[in-house]
Amino acid sequence: MSLINQLKNRFRSGLHDERGDVPGWVLITLMTAGLVMIIWGLAGPALSGIFEQAIDRVSGI
């Protein structure tokens, strides 16, 4: 079997291989969402205070 045929067979088998790590991706997504919620909860009040101060300074001109 030639090298070209071997590469074609590997490519075709890769296209039909539907084994994926779906539970891993689900876990990563849930953990990321959890971290965003925690960080937002901790930093939200401080960020809104900074935003309000910036708007007040711009509006005061």
PDB file of N, CA and C in Angstrom:
ATOM      1  N   MET A   1       0.850  -1.170   0.000  1.00  0.00           N
ATOM      2  CA  MET A   1       0.000   0.000   0.000  1.00  0.00           C
ATOM      3  C   MET A   1       0.899   1.237   0.000  1.00  0.00           C
ATOM      4  N   SER A   2       0.535   2.175  -0.825  1.00  0.00           N
ATOM      5  CA  SER A   2       1.370   3.364  -0.947  1.00  0.00           C
ATOM      6  C   SER A   2       1.107   4.333   0.203  1.00  0.00           C
ATOM      7  N   LEU A   3       2.000   5.251   0.329  1.00  0.00           N
ATOM      8  CA  LEU A   3       1.900   6.250   1.385  1.00  0.00           C
ATOM      9  C   LEU A   3       0.639   7.103   1.213  1.00  0.00           C
ATOM     10  N   ILE A   4       0.308   7.442  -0.025  1.00  0.00           N
ATOM     11  CA  ILE A   4      -0.884   8.247  -0.298  1.00  0.00           C
ATOM     12  C   ILE A   4      -2.145   7.507   0.165  1.00  0.00           C
ATOM     13  N   ASN A   5      -2.233   6.225  -0.143  1.00  0.00           N
ATOM     14  CA  ASN A   5      -3.398   5.438   0.260  1.00  0.00           C
ATOM     15  C   ASN A   5      -3.479   5.323   1.776  1.00  0.00           C
ATOM     16  N   GLN A   6      -2.341   5.184   2.431  1.00  0.00           N
ATOM     17  CA  GLN A   6      -2.341   5.116   3.890  1.00  0.00           C
ATOM     18  C   GLN A   6      -2.849   6.420   4.499  1.00  0.00           C
ATOM     19  N   LEU A   7      -2.399   7.537   3.948  1.00  0.00           N
ATOM     20  CA  LEU A   7      -2.856   8.833   4.443  1.00  0.00           C
ATOM     21  C   LEU A   7      -4.352   9.029   4.204  1.00  0.00           C
ATOM     22  N   LYS A   8      -4.835   8.597   3.035  1.00  0.00           N
ATOM     23  CA  LYS A   8      -6.261   8.705   2.745  1.00  0.00           C
ATOM     24  C   LYS A   8      -7.076   7.878   3.731  1.00  0.00           C
ATOM     25  N   ASN A   9      -6.616   6.677   4.027  1.00  0.00           N
ATOM     26  CA  ASN A   9      -7.337   5.818   4.964  1.00  0.00           C
ATOM     27  C   ASN A   9      -7.353   6.410   6.368  1.00  0.00           C
ATOM     28  N   ARG A  10      -6.243   6.980   6.790  1.00  0.00           N
ATOM     29  CA  ARG A  10      -6.194   7.611   8.115  1.00  0.00           C
ATOM     30  C   ARG A  10      -7.128   8.812   8.182  1.00  0.00           C
ATOM     31  N   PHE A  11      -7.163   9.589   7.108  1.00  0.00           N
ATOM     32  CA  PHE A  11      -8.025  10.764   7.058  1.00  0.00           C
ATOM     33  C   PHE A  11      -9.493  10.349   7.098  1.00  0.00           C
ATOM     34  N   ARG A  12      -9.848   9.344   6.316  1.00  0.00           N
ATOM     35  CA  ARG A  12     -11.233   8.857   6.291  1.00  0.00           C
ATOM     36  C   ARG A  12     -11.646   8.287   7.638  1.00  0.00           C
ATOM     37  N   SER A  13     -10.763   7.543   8.274  1.00  0.00           N
ATOM     38  CA  SER A  13     -11.115   6.971   9.575  1.00  0.00           C
ATOM     39  C   SER A  13     -11.251   8.072  10.622  1.00  0.00           C
ATOM     40  N   GLY A  14     -10.492   9.145  10.478  1.00  0.00           N
ATOM     41  CA  GLY A  14     -10.606  10.265  11.399  1.00  0.00           C
ATOM     42  C   GLY A  14     -11.906  11.015  11.236  1.00  0.00           C
ATOM     43  N   LEU A  15     -12.428  11.059  10.008  1.00  0.00           N
ATOM     44  CA  LEU A  15     -13.690  11.731   9.772  1.00  0.00           C
ATOM     45  C   LEU A  15     -14.861  10.972  10.387  1.00  0.00           C
ATOM     46  N   HIS A  16     -14.757   9.664  10.399  1.00  0.00           N
ATOM     47  CA  HIS A  16     -15.858   8.848  10.904  1.00  0.00           C
ATOM     48  C   HIS A  16     -15.705   8.508  12.384  1.00  0.00           C
ATOM     49  N   ASP A  17     -14.633   8.934  12.982  1.00  0.00           N
ATOM     50  CA  ASP A  17     -14.410   8.661  14.396  1.00  0.00           C
ATOM     51  C   ASP A  17     -15.154   9.706  15.218  1.00  0.00           C
ATOM     52  N   GLU A  18     -16.233   9.320  15.856  1.00  0.00           N
ATOM     53  CA  GLU A  18     -17.055  10.259  16.600  1.00  0.00           C
ATOM     54  C   GLU A  18     -16.831  10.165  18.099  1.00  0.00           C
ATOM     55  N   ARG A  19     -15.742   9.555  18.495  1.00  0.00           N
ATOM     56  CA  ARG A  19     -15.447   9.491  19.922  1.00  0.00           C
ATOM     57  C   ARG A  19     -14.962  10.845  20.380  1.00  0.00           C
ATOM     58  N   GLY A  20     -15.673  11.428  21.303  1.00  0.00           N
ATOM     59  CA  GLY A  20     -15.268  12.729  21.807  1.00  0.00           C
ATOM     60  C   GLY A  20     -15.326  12.740  23.318  1.00  0.00           C
ATOM     61  N   ASP A  21     -14.734  13.751  23.888  1.00  0.00           N
ATOM     62  CA  ASP A  21     -14.711  13.877  25.334  1.00  0.00           C
ATOM     63  C   ASP A  21     -15.772  14.884  25.750  1.00  0.00           C
ATOM     64  N   VAL A  22     -17.033  14.545  25.453  1.00  0.00           N
ATOM     65  CA  VAL A  22     -18.123  15.460  25.768  1.00  0.00           C
ATOM     66  C   VAL A  22     -18.222  15.725  27.260  1.00  0.00           C
ATOM     67  N   PRO A  23     -18.158  14.725  28.141  1.00  0.00           N
ATOM     68  CA  PRO A  23     -18.250  15.037  29.567  1.00  0.00           C
ATOM     69  C   PRO A  23     -17.144  15.981  30.050  1.00  0.00           C
ATOM     70  N   GLY A  24     -15.961  15.872  29.487  1.00  0.00           N
ATOM     71  CA  GLY A  24     -14.882  16.783  29.859  1.00  0.00           C
ATOM     72  C   GLY A  24     -15.199  18.216  29.474  1.00  0.00           C
ATOM     73  N   TRP A  25     -15.753  18.398  28.278  1.00  0.00           N
ATOM     74  CA  TRP A  25     -16.095  19.744  27.831  1.00  0.00           C
ATOM     75  C   TRP A  25     -17.250  20.310  28.641  1.00  0.00           C
ATOM     76  N   VAL A  26     -18.195  19.458  29.004  1.00  0.00           N
ATOM     77  CA  VAL A  26     -19.301  19.917  29.834  1.00  0.00           C
ATOM     78  C   VAL A  26     -18.770  20.375  31.192  1.00  0.00           C
ATOM     79  N   LEU A  27     -17.868  19.604  31.757  1.00  0.00           N
ATOM     80  CA  LEU A  27     -17.284  19.960  33.049  1.00  0.00           C
ATOM     81  C   LEU A  27     -16.519  21.276  32.967  1.00  0.00           C
ATOM     82  N   ILE A  28     -15.741  21.451  31.930  1.00  0.00           N
ATOM     83  CA  ILE A  28     -14.982  22.696  31.755  1.00  0.00           C
ATOM     84  C   ILE A  28     -15.928  23.886  31.626  1.00  0.00           C
ATOM     85  N   THR A  29     -17.013  23.707  30.865  1.00  0.00           N
ATOM     86  CA  THR A  29     -17.976  24.792  30.680  1.00  0.00           C
ATOM     87  C   THR A  29     -18.648  25.157  31.992  1.00  0.00           C
ATOM     88  N   LEU A  30     -19.069  24.146  32.745  1.00  0.00           N
ATOM     89  CA  LEU A  30     -19.718  24.420  34.030  1.00  0.00           C
ATOM     90  C   LEU A  30     -18.769  25.068  35.029  1.00  0.00           C
ATOM     91  N   MET A  31     -17.524  24.617  35.050  1.00  0.00           N
ATOM     92  CA  MET A  31     -16.550  25.211  35.967  1.00  0.00           C
ATOM     93  C   MET A  31     -16.261  26.660  35.583  1.00  0.00           C
ATOM     94  N   THR A  32     -16.170  26.937  34.296  1.00  0.00           N
ATOM     95  CA  THR A  32     -15.928  28.308  33.841  1.00  0.00           C
ATOM     96  C   THR A  32     -17.093  29.208  34.218  1.00  0.00           C
ATOM     97  N   ALA A  33     -18.309  28.713  34.011  1.00  0.00           N
ATOM     98  CA  ALA A  33     -19.487  29.504  34.382  1.00  0.00           C
ATOM     99  C   ALA A  33     -19.504  29.762  35.885  1.00  0.00           C
ATOM    100  N   GLY A  34     -19.145  28.765  36.676  1.00  0.00           N
ATOM    101  CA  GLY A  34     -19.085  28.946  38.115  1.00  0.00           C
ATOM    102  C   GLY A  34     -18.059  29.977  38.533  1.00  0.00           C
ATOM    103  N   LEU A  35     -16.888  29.927  37.915  1.00  0.00           N
ATOM    104  CA  LEU A  35     -15.849  30.916  38.236  1.00  0.00           C
ATOM    105  C   LEU A  35     -16.274  32.323  37.854  1.00  0.00           C
ATOM    106  N   VAL A  36     -16.924  32.464  36.716  1.00  0.00           N
ATOM    107  CA  VAL A  36     -17.397  33.788  36.296  1.00  0.00           C
ATOM    108  C   VAL A  36     -18.410  34.323  37.298  1.00  0.00           C
ATOM    109  N   MET A  37     -19.320  33.469  37.762  1.00  0.00           N
ATOM    110  CA  MET A  37     -20.319  33.912  38.738  1.00  0.00           C
ATOM    111  C   MET A  37     -19.675  34.332  40.060  1.00  0.00           C
ATOM    112  N   ILE A  38     -18.680  33.567  40.505  1.00  0.00           N
ATOM    113  CA  ILE A  38     -18.004  33.902  41.762  1.00  0.00           C
ATOM    114  C   ILE A  38     -17.243  35.223  41.631  1.00  0.00           C
ATOM    115  N   ILE A  39     -16.488  35.365  40.555  1.00  0.00           N
ATOM    116  CA  ILE A  39     -15.713  36.600  40.350  1.00  0.00           C
ATOM    117  C   ILE A  39     -16.647  37.794  40.197  1.00  0.00           C
ATOM    118  N   TRP A  40     -17.737  37.616  39.447  1.00  0.00           N
ATOM    119  CA  TRP A  40     -18.694  38.700  39.262  1.00  0.00           C
ATOM    120  C   TRP A  40     -19.322  39.092  40.597  1.00  0.00           C
ATOM    121  N   GLY A  41     -19.627  38.112  41.415  1.00  0.00           N
ATOM    122  CA  GLY A  41     -20.214  38.402  42.722  1.00  0.00           C
ATOM    123  C   GLY A  41     -19.272  39.176  43.623  1.00  0.00           C
ATOM    124  N   LEU A  42     -17.986  38.844  43.556  1.00  0.00           N
ATOM    125  CA  LEU A  42     -17.013  39.534  44.403  1.00  0.00           C
ATOM    126  C   LEU A  42     -16.629  40.898  43.859  1.00  0.00           C
ATOM    127  N   ALA A  43     -16.457  41.006  42.556  1.00  0.00           N
ATOM    128  CA  ALA A  43     -15.945  42.245  41.972  1.00  0.00           C
ATOM    129  C   ALA A  43     -17.047  43.162  41.463  1.00  0.00           C
ATOM    130  N   GLY A  44     -18.292  42.679  41.386  1.00  0.00           N
ATOM    131  CA  GLY A  44     -19.385  43.470  40.831  1.00  0.00           C
ATOM    132  C   GLY A  44     -19.605  44.799  41.522  1.00  0.00           C
ATOM    133  N   PRO A  45     -19.743  44.807  42.845  1.00  0.00           N
ATOM    134  CA  PRO A  45     -19.965  46.095  43.526  1.00  0.00           C
ATOM    135  C   PRO A  45     -18.805  47.082  43.334  1.00  0.00           C
ATOM    136  N   ALA A  46     -17.591  46.586  43.383  1.00  0.00           N
ATOM    137  CA  ALA A  46     -16.435  47.482  43.197  1.00  0.00           C
ATOM    138  C   ALA A  46     -16.410  48.046  41.779  1.00  0.00           C
ATOM    139  N   LEU A  47     -16.702  47.200  40.799  1.00  0.00           N
ATOM    140  CA  LEU A  47     -16.700  47.674  39.412  1.00  0.00           C
ATOM    141  C   LEU A  47     -17.828  48.667  39.151  1.00  0.00           C
ATOM    142  N   SER A  48     -18.983  48.443  39.747  1.00  0.00           N
ATOM    143  CA  SER A  48     -20.076  49.399  39.540  1.00  0.00           C
ATOM    144  C   SER A  48     -19.751  50.727  40.218  1.00  0.00           C
ATOM    145  N   GLY A  49     -19.067  50.691  41.367  1.00  0.00           N
ATOM    146  CA  GLY A  49     -18.645  51.928  42.017  1.00  0.00           C
ATOM    147  C   GLY A  49     -17.660  52.709  41.161  1.00  0.00           C
ATOM    148  N   ILE A  50     -16.709  52.013  40.575  1.00  0.00           N
ATOM    149  CA  ILE A  50     -15.738  52.668  39.696  1.00  0.00           C
ATOM    150  C   ILE A  50     -16.437  53.270  38.488  1.00  0.00           C
ATOM    151  N   PHE A  51     -17.403  52.512  37.938  1.00  0.00           N
ATOM    152  CA  PHE A  51     -18.138  53.002  36.772  1.00  0.00           C
ATOM    153  C   PHE A  51     -18.941  54.256  37.125  1.00  0.00           C
ATOM    154  N   GLU A  52     -19.606  54.240  38.268  1.00  0.00           N
ATOM    155  CA  GLU A  52     -20.398  55.402  38.672  1.00  0.00           C
ATOM    156  C   GLU A  52     -19.516  56.616  38.917  1.00  0.00           C
ATOM    157  N   GLN A  53     -18.343  56.412  39.507  1.00  0.00           N
ATOM    158  CA  GLN A  53     -17.418  57.531  39.708  1.00  0.00           C
ATOM    159  C   GLN A  53     -16.954  58.096  38.370  1.00  0.00           C
ATOM    160  N   ALA A  54     -16.668  57.248  37.430  1.00  0.00           N
ATOM    161  CA  ALA A  54     -16.221  57.716  36.115  1.00  0.00           C
ATOM    162  C   ALA A  54     -17.324  58.504  35.418  1.00  0.00           C
ATOM    163  N   ILE A  55     -18.557  58.014  35.504  1.00  0.00           N
ATOM    164  CA  ILE A  55     -19.674  58.732  34.877  1.00  0.00           C
ATOM    165  C   ILE A  55     -19.901  60.080  35.568  1.00  0.00           C
ATOM    166  N   ASP A  56     -19.787  60.103  36.881  1.00  0.00           N
ATOM    167  CA  ASP A  56     -19.943  61.368  37.615  1.00  0.00           C
ATOM    168  C   ASP A  56     -18.883  62.385  37.226  1.00  0.00           C
ATOM    169  N   ARG A  57     -17.666  61.928  37.061  1.00  0.00           N
ATOM    170  CA  ARG A  57     -16.581  62.852  36.666  1.00  0.00           C
ATOM    171  C   ARG A  57     -16.795  63.380  35.268  1.00  0.00           C
ATOM    172  N   VAL A  58     -17.240  62.508  34.365  1.00  0.00           N
ATOM    173  CA  VAL A  58     -17.470  62.966  32.991  1.00  0.00           C
ATOM    174  C   VAL A  58     -18.681  63.901  32.948  1.00  0.00           C
ATOM    175  N   SER A  59     -19.708  63.574  33.693  1.00  0.00           N
ATOM    176  CA  SER A  59     -20.916  64.424  33.701  1.00  0.00           C
ATOM    177  C   SER A  59     -20.677  65.751  34.406  1.00  0.00           C
ATOM    178  N   GLY A  60     -19.739  65.795  35.329  1.00  0.00           N
ATOM    179  CA  GLY A  60     -19.470  67.011  36.089  1.00  0.00           C
ATOM    180  C   GLY A  60     -18.730  68.072  35.298  1.00  0.00           C
ATOM    181  N   ILE A  61     -18.219  67.724  34.155  1.00  0.00           N
ATOM    182  CA  ILE A  61     -17.454  68.703  33.360  1.00  0.00           C
ATOM    183  C   ILE A  61     -18.377  69.615  32.697  1.00  0.00           C
TER     184      ILE A  61
END
